Amino acid sequence: MKEYILLFRHENANGKVSPEQMQQWMKQQMDWIDSIAAQNKFVSGTGLLFEDAKVVNHKKVVTNGPFGDVKETLGGYIVVKANSADEAAEFAKGAPVLQGEGNTVEVRQIMIAN
């Protein structure tokens, strides 16, 4: 079985949603992760905070991030075990982040060094 990272890309919702809505989304996220864990296919994951984010470019210039000139940003990730990218994509289809228009879940196989 291979490992895949599911990257959650969305707009920064801070200040745009109520604390109650954020709580509801977090419960949906935890329920979704629990459903993957019940299949013994959840490896790890976390959300990523927007506060104090920095972006370092190829010239080693540091700016406040994340990616202020881009409309979507990386909001978190999980790592799952799956037999194929298609199976990992099936997990991704259940991600609550997809309730937001324009939000995406990127599925990438994790390279394991020998």
Protein backbone atom coordinates (compact mmCIF):
# COMPACT_ATOMS: atom_id res chain seq x y z
CA MET A 1 0.00 0.00 0.00
CA LYS A 2 1.25 3.50 -0.89
CA GLU A 3 0.88 6.78 0.98
CA TYR A 4 -0.80 9.83 -0.52
CA ILE A 5 -1.06 13.40 0.72
CA LEU A 6 -4.38 15.17 0.29
CA LEU A 7 -3.72 18.94 0.19
CA PHE A 8 -6.65 21.22 0.98
CA ARG A 9 -6.64 24.44 -1.03
CA HIS A 10 -9.13 27.19 -0.23
CA GLU A 11 -9.55 30.86 0.55
CA ASN A 12 -8.69 32.15 4.01
CA ALA A 13 -12.04 31.99 5.79
CA ASN A 14 -10.87 33.91 8.88
CA GLY A 15 -13.28 36.75 9.53
CA LYS A 16 -15.65 35.52 6.81
CA VAL A 17 -17.48 32.80 8.74
CA SER A 18 -18.98 32.65 12.19
CA PRO A 19 -17.33 30.67 15.01
CA GLU A 20 -20.37 28.37 14.89
CA GLN A 21 -19.86 27.65 11.17
CA MET A 22 -16.16 27.02 11.77
CA GLN A 23 -17.07 24.58 14.57
CA GLN A 24 -19.50 22.78 12.26
CA TRP A 25 -16.83 22.48 9.55
CA MET A 26 -14.30 21.14 12.06
CA LYS A 27 -16.79 18.48 13.21
CA GLN A 28 -17.43 17.48 9.60
CA GLN A 29 -13.67 17.27 9.03
CA MET A 30 -13.15 15.09 12.11
CA ASP A 31 -16.05 12.80 11.14
CA TRP A 32 -14.57 12.44 7.64
CA ILE A 33 -11.11 11.64 9.04
CA ASP A 34 -12.68 9.15 11.49
CA SER A 35 -14.31 7.36 8.56
CA ILE A 36 -10.89 6.94 6.90
CA ALA A 37 -9.29 5.88 10.19
CA ALA A 38 -12.02 3.24 10.63
CA GLN A 39 -10.63 1.62 7.47
CA ASN A 40 -7.11 1.76 8.97
CA LYS A 41 -6.00 4.07 6.13
CA PHE A 42 -5.43 7.38 7.97
CA VAL A 43 -1.74 8.14 8.62
CA SER A 44 -1.59 11.75 9.84
CA GLY A 45 -2.64 15.30 9.10
CA THR A 46 -3.27 18.79 10.39
CA GLY A 47 -4.68 22.17 9.54
CA LEU A 48 -2.36 25.05 8.73
CA LEU A 49 -2.78 28.49 10.29
CA PHE A 50 -2.82 31.65 8.21
CA GLU A 51 -1.53 33.91 11.00
CA ASP A 52 2.21 34.58 10.89
CA ALA A 53 2.58 32.72 7.59
CA LYS A 54 5.64 33.65 5.52
CA VAL A 55 6.61 33.06 1.91
CA VAL A 56 10.27 32.87 0.89
CA ASN A 57 10.94 33.30 -2.82
CA HIS A 58 13.84 32.17 -4.98
CA LYS A 59 15.73 35.39 -4.17
CA LYS A 60 15.38 34.53 -0.47
CA VAL A 61 13.07 37.50 0.07
CA VAL A 62 10.60 36.88 2.89
CA THR A 63 7.08 38.28 2.62
CA ASN A 64 3.96 37.87 4.69
CA GLY A 65 1.99 34.98 3.30
CA PRO A 66 0.41 32.88 2.41
CA PHE A 67 0.60 33.80 -1.24
CA GLY A 68 -1.17 37.14 -1.01
CA ASP A 69 -1.43 37.46 -4.79
CA VAL A 70 -3.14 34.09 -5.19
CA LYS A 71 -6.83 33.62 -4.39
CA GLU A 72 -6.45 30.17 -2.88
CA THR A 73 -3.97 28.86 -0.36
CA LEU A 74 -2.96 25.69 1.42
CA GLY A 75 -5.19 25.24 4.47
CA GLY A 76 -4.15 21.78 5.66
CA TYR A 77 -3.50 18.21 4.67
CA ILE A 78 -3.90 14.58 5.61
CA VAL A 79 -1.87 11.53 4.65
CA VAL A 80 -3.72 8.34 3.77
CA LYS A 81 -2.79 4.81 2.77
CA ALA A 82 -4.28 3.65 -0.52
CA ASN A 83 -3.65 1.09 -3.23
CA SER A 84 -3.77 3.74 -5.97
CA ALA A 85 -4.19 7.44 -6.69
CA ASP A 86 -7.76 6.66 -7.72
CA GLU A 87 -8.52 5.20 -4.27
CA ALA A 88 -6.93 8.24 -2.60
CA ALA A 89 -9.04 10.50 -4.85
CA GLU A 90 -12.15 8.68 -3.66
CA PHE A 91 -11.20 9.66 -0.09
CA ALA A 92 -10.66 13.24 -1.31
CA LYS A 93 -14.18 13.39 -2.75
CA GLY A 94 -15.53 13.21 0.82
CA ALA A 95 -13.48 16.15 2.10
CA PRO A 96 -15.70 18.81 3.70
CA VAL A 97 -13.49 21.56 2.24
CA LEU A 98 -15.09 20.80 -1.13
CA GLN A 99 -18.31 22.43 0.12
CA GLY A 100 -16.70 25.78 -0.70
CA GLU A 101 -16.95 26.89 -4.31
CA GLY A 102 -13.53 26.84 -5.96
CA ASN A 103 -11.93 24.79 -3.16
CA THR A 104 -9.89 21.76 -4.18
CA VAL A 105 -8.14 18.73 -2.76
CA GLU A 106 -4.90 17.85 -4.51
CA VAL A 107 -3.87 14.17 -4.32
CA ARG A 108 -0.16 13.36 -4.58
CA GLN A 109 1.73 10.14 -3.94
CA ILE A 110 4.43 10.50 -1.30
CA MET A 111 7.85 9.44 -2.49
CA ILE A 112 9.41 6.92 -0.13
CA ALA A 113 13.22 6.85 -0.19
CA ASN A 114 14.76 3.40 -0.27
